[in-house]
């Protein structure tokens, strides 16, 4: 199990480690578009990142907010 501090970090890991190993016919369509959008800084939403990541594994996202009254 890999742990990341953000969806963006997890997606960058996916691009470097999973996307590169996919067969050429699998890289067609939405995976290639997501790679281009992320690589060339065209913008990709966290929702879209999570949808792609969920195609390859289970995602458990937790948000922790701490507020300390002054």
Protein backbone atom coordinates (compact mmCIF):
# COMPACT_ATOMS: atom_id res chain seq x y z
CA UNK A 1 0.00 0.00 0.00
CA UNK A 2 1.35 3.40 -1.01
CA UNK A 3 0.54 6.51 1.03
CA UNK A 4 0.44 10.03 -0.35
CA UNK A 5 -0.28 13.46 1.08
CA UNK A 6 -2.50 14.55 -1.83
CA UNK A 7 -4.39 13.27 -4.84
CA UNK A 8 -1.97 15.19 -7.04
CA UNK A 9 1.00 13.37 -5.50
CA UNK A 10 -0.69 9.99 -6.00
CA UNK A 11 -1.46 10.85 -9.61
CA UNK A 12 2.14 11.92 -10.28
CA UNK A 13 3.26 8.55 -8.89
CA UNK A 14 0.75 6.77 -11.11
CA UNK A 15 2.07 8.63 -14.17
CA UNK A 16 5.66 7.71 -13.38
CA UNK A 17 5.11 4.10 -12.31
CA UNK A 18 1.89 2.70 -13.77
CA UNK A 19 1.13 4.71 -16.89
CA UNK A 20 4.61 4.08 -18.31
CA UNK A 21 4.11 0.29 -18.09
CA UNK A 22 0.70 0.21 -19.81
CA UNK A 23 0.49 -1.35 -23.26
CA UNK A 24 0.17 1.14 -26.12
CA UNK A 25 -3.47 0.25 -26.85
CA UNK A 26 -4.42 0.92 -23.20
CA UNK A 27 -2.79 4.36 -23.27
CA UNK A 28 -5.36 5.51 -25.83
CA UNK A 29 -8.16 7.89 -24.90
CA UNK A 30 -8.68 9.22 -21.41
CA UNK A 31 -5.40 7.96 -19.94
CA UNK A 32 -3.34 9.66 -22.66
CA UNK A 33 -5.43 12.83 -22.37
CA UNK A 34 -4.91 12.88 -18.61
CA UNK A 35 -1.15 12.36 -19.08
CA UNK A 36 -1.00 15.26 -21.55
CA UNK A 37 -3.10 17.55 -19.38
CA UNK A 38 -0.92 16.88 -16.35
CA UNK A 39 2.43 16.88 -18.15
CA UNK A 40 1.83 20.04 -20.15
CA UNK A 41 0.09 21.87 -17.25
CA UNK A 42 -3.23 22.20 -19.07
CA UNK A 43 -5.09 21.36 -15.89
CA UNK A 44 -6.66 18.21 -14.56
CA UNK A 45 -9.18 18.13 -11.74
CA UNK A 46 -8.72 16.05 -8.59
CA UNK A 47 -12.04 14.33 -9.42
CA UNK A 48 -10.69 13.18 -12.78
CA UNK A 49 -7.43 12.06 -11.14
CA UNK A 50 -9.37 9.97 -8.62
CA UNK A 51 -11.49 8.39 -11.36
CA UNK A 52 -8.38 7.28 -13.23
CA UNK A 53 -6.62 6.06 -10.08
CA UNK A 54 -9.71 4.06 -9.11
CA UNK A 55 -9.45 2.16 -12.42
CA UNK A 56 -6.21 0.64 -11.10
CA UNK A 57 -6.78 0.31 -7.36
CA UNK A 58 -8.79 1.28 -4.31
CA UNK A 59 -8.57 4.85 -3.04
CA UNK A 60 -9.13 5.82 0.57
CA UNK A 61 -8.98 9.59 0.99
CA UNK A 62 -9.09 11.21 4.41
CA UNK A 63 -8.99 14.90 5.23
CA UNK A 64 -7.87 16.13 8.62
CA UNK A 65 -8.60 19.68 9.70
CA UNK A 66 -7.33 21.00 12.99
CA UNK A 67 -8.51 24.26 14.48
CA UNK A 68 -7.02 25.64 17.65
CA UNK A 69 -8.77 28.61 19.21
CA UNK A 70 -6.44 31.46 20.13
